[in-house]
N, C-alpha and C. Protein backbone atom coordinates (compact mmCIF):
# COMPACT_ATOMS: atom_id res chain seq x y z
N UNK A 1 0.85 -0.89 0.15
CA UNK A 1 0.37 0.42 0.23
C UNK A 1 1.06 1.25 0.33
N UNK A 2 0.44 2.10 -0.88
CA UNK A 2 1.31 3.37 -0.82
C UNK A 2 0.97 4.36 -0.19
N UNK A 3 1.60 5.41 0.25
CA UNK A 3 0.99 6.51 0.88
C UNK A 3 1.08 7.54 0.18
N UNK A 4 1.28 7.89 -1.18
CA UNK A 4 1.46 8.76 -1.90
C UNK A 4 -0.15 8.71 -2.33
N UNK A 5 -0.45 10.27 -2.52
CA UNK A 5 -1.49 10.52 -2.68
C UNK A 5 -1.81 11.76 -3.24
N UNK A 6 -2.56 12.67 -4.44
CA UNK A 6 -2.72 13.66 -4.79
C UNK A 6 -3.52 14.31 -3.48
N UNK A 7 -3.20 15.64 -3.59
CA UNK A 7 -3.71 16.73 -2.71
C UNK A 7 -5.17 17.30 -3.01
N UNK A 8 -6.08 16.76 -1.48
CA UNK A 8 -7.31 16.90 -2.37
C UNK A 8 -7.65 18.40 -2.98
N UNK A 9 -6.76 19.33 -2.48
CA UNK A 9 -7.49 20.71 -2.87
C UNK A 9 -7.78 20.16 -4.67
N UNK A 10 -6.45 19.73 -5.00
CA UNK A 10 -5.78 19.91 -6.36
C UNK A 10 -6.80 18.97 -7.37
N UNK A 11 -7.07 17.63 -6.74
CA UNK A 11 -8.14 16.52 -7.42
C UNK A 11 -9.63 17.23 -7.07
N UNK A 12 -10.20 18.17 -6.15
CA UNK A 12 -11.14 18.80 -5.99
C UNK A 12 -11.64 19.69 -7.25
N UNK A 13 -10.78 20.47 -7.26
CA UNK A 13 -10.34 21.24 -8.67
C UNK A 13 -10.60 20.83 -9.49
N UNK A 14 -9.61 19.55 -9.88
CA UNK A 14 -9.79 18.95 -11.38
C UNK A 14 -10.87 18.33 -11.83
N UNK A 15 -11.96 18.00 -10.62
CA UNK A 15 -13.07 17.41 -10.96
C UNK A 15 -14.14 18.53 -11.19
N UNK A 16 -13.77 19.60 -10.78
CA UNK A 16 -14.88 20.58 -10.90
C UNK A 16 -14.56 21.15 -12.44
N UNK A 17 -13.55 21.26 -13.31
CA UNK A 17 -13.12 21.61 -13.97
C UNK A 17 -13.61 20.89 -15.29
N UNK A 18 -13.46 19.40 -14.53
CA UNK A 18 -14.03 18.16 -15.44
C UNK A 18 -15.27 18.63 -15.81
N UNK A 19 -16.01 18.57 -14.98
CA UNK A 19 -17.49 18.90 -15.05
C UNK A 19 -18.36 20.12 -15.66
N UNK A 20 -17.61 20.65 -15.63
CA UNK A 20 -17.73 21.97 -16.30
C UNK A 20 -17.35 22.15 -17.91
N UNK A 21 -16.88 21.41 -17.94
CA UNK A 21 -16.20 20.88 -19.43
C UNK A 21 -16.94 20.17 -20.52
N UNK A 22 -17.81 19.26 -19.34
CA UNK A 22 -18.41 18.57 -20.17
C UNK A 22 -20.13 19.55 -20.17
N UNK A 23 -20.48 20.60 -19.34
CA UNK A 23 -21.63 21.16 -19.01
C UNK A 23 -22.18 20.38 -18.13
N UNK A 24 -21.88 19.75 -16.94
CA UNK A 24 -22.78 19.14 -16.21
C UNK A 24 -22.29 20.15 -14.74
N UNK A 25 -23.40 20.73 -13.93
CA UNK A 25 -23.32 21.58 -12.85
C UNK A 25 -22.74 20.89 -11.97
N UNK A 26 -21.52 21.80 -11.04
CA UNK A 26 -20.81 21.03 -10.09
C UNK A 26 -20.54 22.13 -9.33
N UNK A 27 -20.70 22.12 -8.13
CA UNK A 27 -19.89 23.06 -6.86
C UNK A 27 -19.36 22.59 -5.78
N UNK A 28 -18.54 23.24 -5.60
CA UNK A 28 -18.04 23.32 -4.20
C UNK A 28 -18.74 24.02 -3.10
N UNK A 29 -19.01 23.21 -2.09
CA UNK A 29 -19.98 24.01 -1.58
C UNK A 29 -19.13 24.18 -0.08
N UNK A 30 -18.02 23.51 0.21
CA UNK A 30 -17.39 23.10 1.47
C UNK A 30 -15.99 23.12 1.15
N UNK A 31 -14.94 24.02 1.79
CA UNK A 31 -13.31 23.53 1.70
C UNK A 31 -12.78 22.49 2.53
N UNK A 32 -12.04 21.41 2.91
CA UNK A 32 -11.87 20.63 3.92
C UNK A 32 -10.02 21.22 3.86
N UNK A 33 -9.17 20.38 4.38
CA UNK A 33 -7.89 20.31 4.24
C UNK A 33 -7.60 20.13 2.90
N UNK A 34 -6.52 20.88 2.60
CA UNK A 34 -6.05 21.07 1.29
C UNK A 34 -5.38 19.65 0.85
N UNK A 35 -4.59 19.05 1.67
CA UNK A 35 -3.64 17.80 1.46
C UNK A 35 -4.38 16.88 1.91
N UNK A 36 -5.01 16.45 2.86
CA UNK A 36 -5.63 15.01 3.65
C UNK A 36 -6.96 15.13 3.50
N UNK A 37 -8.15 16.06 3.19
CA UNK A 37 -9.49 16.10 3.41
C UNK A 37 -10.01 14.56 2.84
N UNK A 38 -11.10 14.17 3.16
CA UNK A 38 -11.90 13.52 2.54
C UNK A 38 -13.00 14.06 1.85
N UNK A 39 -14.08 13.34 1.08
CA UNK A 39 -14.81 14.06 0.14
C UNK A 39 -16.06 13.39 -0.29
N UNK A 40 -17.48 14.25 0.23
CA UNK A 40 -18.37 13.63 0.01
C UNK A 40 -19.09 14.69 -1.16
N UNK A 41 -19.80 14.05 -1.50
CA UNK A 41 -20.38 14.46 -2.89
C UNK A 41 -21.94 14.34 -2.55
N UNK A 42 -22.71 15.08 -2.85
CA UNK A 42 -24.23 15.13 -3.14
C UNK A 42 -24.79 15.04 -4.20
N UNK A 43 -25.68 14.35 -4.80
CA UNK A 43 -25.65 13.96 -6.32
C UNK A 43 -27.47 14.33 -6.12
N UNK A 44 -27.19 15.82 -6.55
CA UNK A 44 -28.55 16.65 -6.68
C UNK A 44 -30.06 16.11 -7.65
N UNK A 45 -30.52 15.59 -8.02
CA UNK A 45 -31.10 14.86 -8.95
C UNK A 45 -32.94 15.52 -8.68
N UNK A 46 -33.86 14.78 -9.48
CA UNK A 46 -35.16 15.34 -9.17
C UNK A 46 -35.82 14.85 -8.36
N UNK A 47 -35.73 14.51 -7.76
CA UNK A 47 -36.44 13.30 -6.86
C UNK A 47 -35.70 13.75 -5.11
N UNK A 48 -34.22 14.35 -5.63
CA UNK A 48 -33.75 14.74 -4.01
C UNK A 48 -32.11 14.26 -4.03
N UNK A 49 -31.71 13.95 -3.35
CA UNK A 49 -30.05 13.96 -3.11
C UNK A 49 -29.68 12.76 -3.00
N UNK A 50 -28.63 11.91 -3.59
CA UNK A 50 -28.24 10.87 -2.85
C UNK A 50 -26.93 11.23 -2.04
N UNK A 51 -25.87 10.61 -1.38
CA UNK A 51 -24.43 11.22 -1.03
C UNK A 51 -23.60 10.02 -1.18
N UNK A 52 -22.82 10.33 -1.55
CA UNK A 52 -21.28 9.61 -2.11
C UNK A 52 -20.15 10.14 -0.78
N UNK A 53 -19.50 8.93 -0.37
CA UNK A 53 -18.65 9.91 0.53
C UNK A 53 -17.01 8.48 0.32
N UNK A 54 -16.14 8.83 -0.05
CA UNK A 54 -14.80 8.87 -0.07
C UNK A 54 -14.64 7.48 1.24
N UNK A 55 -14.09 6.32 0.86
CA UNK A 55 -13.44 5.62 2.01
C UNK A 55 -12.06 5.35 1.49
N UNK A 56 -11.52 4.19 1.82
CA UNK A 56 -10.78 3.00 1.49
C UNK A 56 -10.74 1.97 1.75
N UNK A 57 -11.09 1.26 0.54
CA UNK A 57 -11.20 0.15 0.25
C UNK A 57 -9.60 -1.16 1.38
N UNK A 58 -10.10 -2.57 1.29
CA UNK A 58 -9.08 -3.72 2.51
C UNK A 58 -8.01 -2.98 1.42
N UNK A 59 -7.70 -2.55 0.38
CA UNK A 59 -6.22 -2.70 -0.02
C UNK A 59 -5.87 -0.70 -0.13
N UNK A 60 -6.78 -0.29 0.50
CA UNK A 60 -6.40 1.34 0.93
C UNK A 60 -6.21 2.29 -0.06
N UNK A 61 -6.98 1.40 -1.23
CA UNK A 61 -7.64 2.42 -2.35
C UNK A 61 -9.04 3.44 -1.93
N UNK A 62 -8.99 4.36 -2.72
CA UNK A 62 -9.93 5.18 -2.10
C UNK A 62 -11.12 4.93 -3.27
N UNK A 63 -11.91 4.83 -2.57
CA UNK A 63 -13.63 4.22 -3.56
C UNK A 63 -14.30 4.94 -2.72
N UNK A 64 -15.62 4.72 -3.26
CA UNK A 64 -17.13 5.75 -2.61
C UNK A 64 -18.34 5.03 -2.23
N UNK A 65 -18.82 5.05 -1.03
CA UNK A 65 -19.68 4.37 -0.52
C UNK A 65 -20.69 5.27 -0.32
N UNK A 66 -22.13 4.85 -0.75
CA UNK A 66 -23.44 5.47 -0.95
C UNK A 66 -23.87 5.18 0.68
N UNK A 67 -24.02 6.49 1.10
CA UNK A 67 -24.77 6.77 2.17
C UNK A 67 -26.35 6.50 2.18
N UNK A 68 -26.87 5.74 3.67
CA UNK A 68 -27.65 5.18 3.75
C UNK A 68 -28.32 4.18 2.44
N UNK A 69 -27.51 3.49 2.10
CA UNK A 69 -27.74 2.39 0.99
C UNK A 69 -28.25 2.89 0.19
N UNK A 70 -27.31 4.01 -0.90
CA UNK A 70 -28.17 5.02 -1.77
C UNK A 70 -29.24 5.18 -2.20
N UNK A 71 -29.83 5.35 -0.52
CA UNK A 71 -31.16 5.94 -0.71
C UNK A 71 -31.37 7.48 -0.94
N UNK A 72 -32.58 7.81 -1.92
CA UNK A 72 -32.64 9.35 -2.74
C UNK A 72 -33.73 9.81 -1.01
N UNK A 73 -32.56 11.08 -0.60
CA UNK A 73 -32.68 11.86 0.45
C UNK A 73 -33.68 13.19 0.12
N UNK A 74 -34.68 13.91 1.27
CA UNK A 74 -34.93 15.18 0.68
C UNK A 74 -33.62 15.87 1.03
N UNK A 75 -33.87 17.22 0.54
CA UNK A 75 -32.84 18.04 0.69
C UNK A 75 -32.22 18.62 2.18
N UNK A 76 -33.63 18.39 3.60
CA UNK A 76 -33.65 18.56 4.56
C UNK A 76 -32.75 17.73 5.37
N UNK A 77 -33.04 16.48 4.69
CA UNK A 77 -32.39 15.15 5.21
C UNK A 77 -30.97 15.23 4.86
N UNK A 78 -30.64 15.56 3.19
CA UNK A 78 -29.08 15.74 3.25
C UNK A 78 -28.37 16.68 3.62
N UNK A 79 -28.90 17.72 3.80
CA UNK A 79 -28.60 18.97 4.38
C UNK A 79 -27.88 18.13 5.97
N UNK A 80 -29.01 17.96 6.44
CA UNK A 80 -28.51 17.24 8.12
C UNK A 80 -27.22 16.27 8.46
N UNK A 81 -27.32 15.76 6.90
CA UNK A 81 -26.57 14.48 6.89
C UNK A 81 -25.06 14.98 7.24
N UNK A 82 -24.72 16.10 6.04
CA UNK A 82 -23.55 16.94 5.72
C UNK A 82 -23.29 17.46 6.98
N UNK A 83 -24.19 18.37 7.56
CA UNK A 83 -23.66 19.15 8.30
C UNK A 83 -23.20 18.00 9.68
N UNK A 84 -23.59 16.78 10.31
CA UNK A 84 -22.95 15.98 10.97
C UNK A 84 -22.22 15.39 10.61
N UNK A 85 -21.90 15.38 9.63
CA UNK A 85 -19.95 14.56 8.89
C UNK A 85 -19.06 16.01 8.59
N UNK A 86 -20.10 17.06 8.69
CA UNK A 86 -18.91 18.07 9.15
C UNK A 86 -18.62 18.43 10.51
N UNK A 87 -19.44 18.03 11.24
CA UNK A 87 -18.97 17.92 13.10
C UNK A 87 -18.20 17.29 13.12
N UNK A 88 -18.23 16.02 12.57
CA UNK A 88 -17.11 14.90 13.08
C UNK A 88 -15.65 15.03 12.33
N UNK A 89 -15.88 15.64 11.26
CA UNK A 89 -14.64 15.25 10.57
C UNK A 89 -14.47 17.30 10.09
N UNK A 90 -13.60 17.94 10.21
CA UNK A 90 -14.07 18.99 9.96
C UNK A 90 -12.63 19.28 8.72
N UNK A 91 -12.01 18.69 8.37
CA UNK A 91 -11.35 18.67 7.26
C UNK A 91 -12.09 17.87 5.93
N UNK A 92 -13.11 17.88 6.05
CA UNK A 92 -13.98 17.57 4.82
C UNK A 92 -14.80 18.62 3.46
N UNK A 93 -14.09 17.84 2.53
CA UNK A 93 -14.77 18.93 1.12
C UNK A 93 -15.94 18.76 0.76
N UNK A 94 -17.08 19.15 0.91
CA UNK A 94 -18.19 19.05 -0.09
C UNK A 94 -18.51 19.61 -1.15
N UNK A 95 -18.60 18.71 -2.49
CA UNK A 95 -19.35 19.00 -3.66
C UNK A 95 -20.65 18.73 -3.82
N UNK A 96 -21.17 19.32 -5.11
CA UNK A 96 -22.04 18.93 -5.13
C UNK A 96 -22.44 18.79 -6.83
N UNK A 97 -23.17 17.81 -7.59
CA UNK A 97 -23.28 17.75 -8.70
C UNK A 97 -24.53 17.31 -9.43
N UNK A 98 -24.69 18.00 -9.58
CA UNK A 98 -26.32 17.87 -10.71
C UNK A 98 -25.88 16.65 -11.40
N UNK A 99 -27.22 15.80 -11.38
CA UNK A 99 -27.46 14.47 -11.99
C UNK A 99 -28.62 14.43 -12.35
N UNK A 100 -28.92 13.64 -13.35
CA UNK A 100 -30.41 13.54 -14.05
C UNK A 100 -31.17 12.32 -13.05
N UNK A 101 -30.21 11.06 -13.05
CA UNK A 101 -30.55 9.96 -12.21
C UNK A 101 -29.70 9.21 -11.36
N UNK A 102 -28.66 10.23 -11.13
CA UNK A 102 -28.07 10.11 -9.83
C UNK A 102 -26.97 9.34 -9.59
N UNK A 103 -26.32 8.86 -10.93
CA UNK A 103 -25.36 7.99 -11.26
C UNK A 103 -24.02 8.93 -10.70
N UNK A 104 -23.31 7.53 -10.17
CA UNK A 104 -21.81 8.10 -9.94
C UNK A 104 -21.08 8.68 -11.17
N UNK A 105 -20.77 10.26 -10.67
CA UNK A 105 -19.65 10.67 -11.98
C UNK A 105 -18.00 10.31 -11.82
N UNK A 106 -17.79 9.71 -10.78
CA UNK A 106 -16.63 9.14 -10.68
C UNK A 106 -16.54 7.70 -11.45
N UNK A 107 -15.21 7.35 -11.61
CA UNK A 107 -14.92 5.90 -12.11
C UNK A 107 -14.34 4.98 -11.04
N UNK A 108 -14.43 4.96 -9.79
CA UNK A 108 -14.40 4.23 -9.19
C UNK A 108 -15.89 3.71 -8.57
N UNK A 109 -15.37 2.27 -7.99
CA UNK A 109 -16.76 1.34 -7.73
C UNK A 109 -17.45 1.63 -6.40
N UNK A 110 -18.61 1.94 -6.11
CA UNK A 110 -19.33 2.10 -5.29
C UNK A 110 -19.04 0.76 -4.85
N UNK A 111 -18.97 0.88 -3.11
CA UNK A 111 -18.68 -0.41 -2.00
C UNK A 111 -20.19 0.23 -1.21
N UNK A 112 -20.31 -1.32 -0.91
CA UNK A 112 -21.73 -1.53 0.15
C UNK A 112 -20.78 -1.52 1.63
N UNK A 113 -20.72 -0.67 2.07
CA UNK A 113 -20.55 -1.03 3.57
C UNK A 113 -21.90 -0.68 4.68
């Protein structure tokens, strides 16, 4: 397992530019630790919001976990979840991505934890 990783701020900025280049609405909602912060993603869709959070798999690689088993949350419930997550981890980054069907906009697999 390698301890090398790209700084979170650089990764987030690259993702926001990637979304912009393809016309997908993506917004930085909260900055966390520039080097080591993890990322929480709000997937805004018509029915509500799904949330993905970064986790490490058993091999130490970053992947995504669906919060609340991938359930679509009301905006109020999603806001409350994000607030609790930020209270637990002050280094957390939060981005919001507009999506039509809640698909994961990243190449990483979603793990079921």
